[in-house]
Amino acid sequence: MSVVHVSEEQLHEKLEKCIAGERLLIEHEGSRFSARIQHVGLFGVKVIPETEIKNSHRTPGDVEGVTVPYEEILELEVKGVVYSRLSDD
């Protein structure tokens, strides 16, 4: 898997073109978690945390997502390429 370092603006542009199901790395209130895109909106992305997907016993479509602002999204994975705002430090 290759990693491409991008700015927050470049990542936002990539997110605008995404469809449901793409993987994200999110940092919210000091915690990082991975999630899948449910819907890309004007002010943020509605996601379903992967832990919710793994632990759900509901039928598809019944899992309610949460909206996270664009600033909290650190990485986007599309077709084996990770677009990351994280530095290699």
N, C-alpha and C. Protein backbone atom coordinates (compact mmCIF):
# COMPACT_ATOMS: atom_id res chain seq x y z
N MET A 1 0.84 -1.16 0.00
CA MET A 1 0.00 0.00 0.00
C MET A 1 0.90 1.24 0.00
N SER A 2 0.63 2.17 -0.88
CA SER A 2 1.44 3.38 -0.94
C SER A 2 0.77 4.50 -0.16
N VAL A 3 1.62 5.41 0.33
CA VAL A 3 1.14 6.55 1.10
C VAL A 3 1.53 7.82 0.36
N VAL A 4 0.56 8.70 0.17
CA VAL A 4 0.79 9.99 -0.47
C VAL A 4 0.47 11.06 0.57
N HIS A 5 1.46 11.91 0.87
CA HIS A 5 1.25 12.98 1.84
C HIS A 5 0.57 14.15 1.13
N VAL A 6 -0.49 14.65 1.77
CA VAL A 6 -1.29 15.73 1.19
C VAL A 6 -1.58 16.78 2.26
N SER A 7 -1.96 17.96 1.80
CA SER A 7 -2.38 19.01 2.73
C SER A 7 -3.84 18.78 3.11
N GLU A 8 -4.32 19.52 4.10
CA GLU A 8 -5.73 19.40 4.50
C GLU A 8 -6.64 19.76 3.33
N GLU A 9 -6.26 20.78 2.57
CA GLU A 9 -7.06 21.20 1.41
C GLU A 9 -7.11 20.11 0.34
N GLN A 10 -5.98 19.48 0.07
CA GLN A 10 -5.93 18.40 -0.94
C GLN A 10 -6.76 17.20 -0.48
N LEU A 11 -6.70 16.89 0.80
CA LEU A 11 -7.49 15.78 1.34
C LEU A 11 -8.98 16.08 1.21
N HIS A 12 -9.36 17.32 1.49
CA HIS A 12 -10.76 17.74 1.35
C HIS A 12 -11.22 17.56 -0.10
N GLU A 13 -10.38 17.93 -1.06
CA GLU A 13 -10.73 17.75 -2.48
C GLU A 13 -10.94 16.28 -2.82
N LYS A 14 -10.08 15.42 -2.29
CA LYS A 14 -10.23 13.97 -2.52
C LYS A 14 -11.53 13.45 -1.91
N LEU A 15 -11.85 13.93 -0.71
CA LEU A 15 -13.06 13.48 -0.03
C LEU A 15 -14.32 13.85 -0.79
N GLU A 16 -14.32 15.01 -1.44
CA GLU A 16 -15.49 15.45 -2.19
C GLU A 16 -15.84 14.49 -3.32
N LYS A 17 -14.87 13.70 -3.78
CA LYS A 17 -15.08 12.78 -4.89
C LYS A 17 -15.36 11.35 -4.43
N CYS A 18 -15.40 11.13 -3.12
CA CYS A 18 -15.54 9.78 -2.58
C CYS A 18 -16.99 9.30 -2.58
N ILE A 19 -17.10 7.98 -2.57
CA ILE A 19 -18.40 7.34 -2.44
C ILE A 19 -18.43 6.59 -1.11
N ALA A 20 -19.58 6.11 -0.75
CA ALA A 20 -19.73 5.38 0.50
C ALA A 20 -18.83 4.15 0.54
N GLY A 21 -18.29 3.88 1.73
CA GLY A 21 -17.50 2.69 1.95
C GLY A 21 -16.01 2.90 2.03
N GLU A 22 -15.50 4.05 1.59
CA GLU A 22 -14.07 4.30 1.66
C GLU A 22 -13.65 4.43 3.13
N ARG A 23 -12.41 4.04 3.44
CA ARG A 23 -11.91 4.03 4.80
C ARG A 23 -11.25 5.34 5.15
N LEU A 24 -11.50 5.83 6.38
CA LEU A 24 -10.90 7.05 6.89
C LEU A 24 -10.23 6.78 8.23
N LEU A 25 -9.21 7.59 8.54
CA LEU A 25 -8.65 7.63 9.89
C LEU A 25 -9.04 8.99 10.45
N ILE A 26 -9.67 8.98 11.62
CA ILE A 26 -10.21 10.19 12.22
C ILE A 26 -9.61 10.39 13.60
N GLU A 27 -9.35 11.66 13.94
CA GLU A 27 -8.92 11.99 15.30
C GLU A 27 -9.98 12.90 15.89
N HIS A 28 -10.67 12.39 16.93
CA HIS A 28 -11.76 13.12 17.56
C HIS A 28 -11.54 13.15 19.06
N GLU A 29 -11.42 14.35 19.62
CA GLU A 29 -11.21 14.53 21.06
C GLU A 29 -10.03 13.72 21.59
N GLY A 30 -8.94 13.70 20.84
CA GLY A 30 -7.72 13.02 21.26
C GLY A 30 -7.65 11.53 20.97
N SER A 31 -8.71 10.96 20.46
CA SER A 31 -8.73 9.53 20.13
C SER A 31 -8.76 9.35 18.61
N ARG A 32 -8.04 8.34 18.15
CA ARG A 32 -8.04 8.02 16.73
C ARG A 32 -8.82 6.74 16.49
N PHE A 33 -9.60 6.72 15.41
CA PHE A 33 -10.33 5.52 15.05
C PHE A 33 -10.55 5.50 13.54
N SER A 34 -10.73 4.30 13.01
CA SER A 34 -11.02 4.17 11.59
C SER A 34 -12.52 4.05 11.40
N ALA A 35 -12.97 4.52 10.25
CA ALA A 35 -14.40 4.52 9.95
C ALA A 35 -14.60 4.40 8.45
N ARG A 36 -15.80 4.10 8.07
CA ARG A 36 -16.18 4.02 6.65
C ARG A 36 -17.12 5.16 6.33
N ILE A 37 -16.93 5.75 5.13
CA ILE A 37 -17.77 6.86 4.71
C ILE A 37 -19.19 6.36 4.45
N GLN A 38 -20.14 7.10 4.99
CA GLN A 38 -21.55 6.85 4.70
C GLN A 38 -22.06 7.90 3.72
N HIS A 39 -21.63 9.16 3.93
CA HIS A 39 -22.08 10.26 3.07
C HIS A 39 -21.13 11.44 3.23
N VAL A 40 -20.73 12.05 2.12
CA VAL A 40 -19.90 13.25 2.15
C VAL A 40 -20.82 14.46 2.04
N GLY A 41 -20.73 15.36 3.02
CA GLY A 41 -21.59 16.53 3.04
C GLY A 41 -20.82 17.83 2.92
N LEU A 42 -21.52 18.92 3.03
CA LEU A 42 -20.95 20.24 2.87
C LEU A 42 -20.01 20.61 4.02
N PHE A 43 -20.36 20.25 5.25
CA PHE A 43 -19.59 20.66 6.40
C PHE A 43 -18.80 19.52 7.06
N GLY A 44 -18.94 18.33 6.55
CA GLY A 44 -18.24 17.19 7.12
C GLY A 44 -18.64 15.90 6.43
N VAL A 45 -18.19 14.81 7.00
CA VAL A 45 -18.44 13.49 6.42
C VAL A 45 -19.19 12.65 7.45
N LYS A 46 -20.27 12.05 7.03
CA LYS A 46 -21.01 11.13 7.90
C LYS A 46 -20.34 9.77 7.76
N VAL A 47 -19.91 9.22 8.89
CA VAL A 47 -19.15 7.98 8.90
C VAL A 47 -19.76 6.97 9.85
N ILE A 48 -19.39 5.73 9.64
CA ILE A 48 -19.72 4.66 10.59
C ILE A 48 -18.39 4.11 11.10
N PRO A 49 -18.10 4.28 12.39
CA PRO A 49 -16.87 3.72 12.94
C PRO A 49 -16.80 2.21 12.68
N GLU A 50 -15.61 1.72 12.34
CA GLU A 50 -15.47 0.30 12.01
C GLU A 50 -15.83 -0.59 13.18
N THR A 51 -15.66 -0.12 14.41
CA THR A 51 -16.06 -0.94 15.57
C THR A 51 -17.57 -1.13 15.59
N GLU A 52 -18.33 -0.12 15.15
CA GLU A 52 -19.79 -0.24 15.07
C GLU A 52 -20.18 -1.28 14.03
N ILE A 53 -19.46 -1.30 12.92
CA ILE A 53 -19.76 -2.26 11.84
C ILE A 53 -19.48 -3.69 12.32
N LYS A 54 -18.34 -3.88 12.96
CA LYS A 54 -17.95 -5.22 13.42
C LYS A 54 -18.88 -5.75 14.49
N ASN A 55 -19.34 -4.87 15.38
CA ASN A 55 -20.15 -5.31 16.52
C ASN A 55 -21.65 -5.23 16.27
N SER A 56 -22.05 -4.85 15.08
CA SER A 56 -23.47 -4.68 14.80
C SER A 56 -24.14 -6.00 14.44
N HIS A 57 -25.31 -6.18 14.98
CA HIS A 57 -26.12 -7.35 14.63
C HIS A 57 -27.38 -6.91 13.89
N ARG A 58 -27.39 -5.65 13.48
CA ARG A 58 -28.53 -5.11 12.75
C ARG A 58 -28.37 -5.36 11.26
N THR A 59 -29.43 -5.15 10.53
CA THR A 59 -29.37 -5.33 9.08
C THR A 59 -28.67 -4.13 8.46
N PRO A 60 -28.05 -4.32 7.27
CA PRO A 60 -27.40 -3.20 6.60
C PRO A 60 -28.37 -2.03 6.42
N GLY A 61 -27.87 -0.83 6.65
CA GLY A 61 -28.70 0.35 6.54
C GLY A 61 -29.29 0.80 7.86
N ASP A 62 -29.22 -0.06 8.88
CA ASP A 62 -29.77 0.29 10.19
C ASP A 62 -28.73 0.90 11.13
N VAL A 63 -27.46 0.89 10.73
CA VAL A 63 -26.41 1.46 11.57
C VAL A 63 -26.36 2.96 11.30
N GLU A 64 -26.55 3.74 12.36
CA GLU A 64 -26.58 5.20 12.22
C GLU A 64 -25.17 5.76 12.33
N GLY A 65 -24.78 6.58 11.36
CA GLY A 65 -23.46 7.18 11.36
C GLY A 65 -23.40 8.46 12.16
N VAL A 66 -22.19 8.99 12.29
CA VAL A 66 -21.95 10.26 12.96
C VAL A 66 -21.24 11.18 11.98
N THR A 67 -21.50 12.47 12.08
CA THR A 67 -20.85 13.43 11.19
C THR A 67 -19.61 13.98 11.87
N VAL A 68 -18.49 13.93 11.16
CA VAL A 68 -17.24 14.50 11.66
C VAL A 68 -16.82 15.63 10.73
N PRO A 69 -16.27 16.72 11.29
CA PRO A 69 -15.81 17.81 10.44
C PRO A 69 -14.57 17.40 9.66
N TYR A 70 -14.37 18.05 8.54
CA TYR A 70 -13.23 17.74 7.67
C TYR A 70 -11.89 17.85 8.41
N GLU A 71 -11.79 18.78 9.35
CA GLU A 71 -10.52 18.99 10.07
C GLU A 71 -10.09 17.78 10.88
N GLU A 72 -11.03 16.91 11.26
CA GLU A 72 -10.71 15.75 12.09
C GLU A 72 -10.28 14.53 11.27
N ILE A 73 -10.35 14.63 9.95
CA ILE A 73 -9.99 13.50 9.10
C ILE A 73 -8.50 13.58 8.78
N LEU A 74 -7.77 12.52 9.14
CA LEU A 74 -6.32 12.49 8.95
C LEU A 74 -5.91 11.73 7.70
N GLU A 75 -6.65 10.68 7.37
CA GLU A 75 -6.27 9.85 6.21
C GLU A 75 -7.51 9.35 5.48
N LEU A 76 -7.30 9.12 4.20
CA LEU A 76 -8.32 8.54 3.33
C LEU A 76 -7.65 7.42 2.54
N GLU A 77 -8.27 6.25 2.51
CA GLU A 77 -7.74 5.12 1.74
C GLU A 77 -8.66 4.85 0.56
N VAL A 78 -8.08 4.92 -0.65
CA VAL A 78 -8.83 4.68 -1.87
C VAL A 78 -8.00 3.77 -2.78
N LYS A 79 -8.56 2.62 -3.12
CA LYS A 79 -7.93 1.68 -4.05
C LYS A 79 -6.46 1.40 -3.73
N GLY A 80 -6.18 1.15 -2.47
CA GLY A 80 -4.82 0.78 -2.07
C GLY A 80 -3.87 1.95 -1.87
N VAL A 81 -4.34 3.17 -2.02
CA VAL A 81 -3.51 4.36 -1.80
C VAL A 81 -4.05 5.10 -0.58
N VAL A 82 -3.16 5.44 0.34
CA VAL A 82 -3.54 6.19 1.53
C VAL A 82 -3.10 7.64 1.34
N TYR A 83 -4.07 8.54 1.37
CA TYR A 83 -3.80 9.97 1.31
C TYR A 83 -3.78 10.46 2.74
N SER A 84 -2.61 10.96 3.20
CA SER A 84 -2.42 11.23 4.62
C SER A 84 -1.97 12.66 4.88
N ARG A 85 -2.51 13.26 5.94
CA ARG A 85 -2.06 14.55 6.42
C ARG A 85 -1.02 14.38 7.53
N LEU A 86 -0.75 13.15 7.94
CA LEU A 86 0.20 12.88 9.03
C LEU A 86 1.63 12.95 8.49
N SER A 87 2.53 13.48 9.32
CA SER A 87 3.93 13.53 8.92
C SER A 87 4.61 12.23 9.35
N ASP A 88 5.78 11.98 8.81
CA ASP A 88 6.53 10.75 9.11
C ASP A 88 7.41 10.89 10.35
N ASP A 89 7.26 11.98 11.10
CA ASP A 89 8.13 12.25 12.26
C ASP A 89 8.19 11.10 13.20
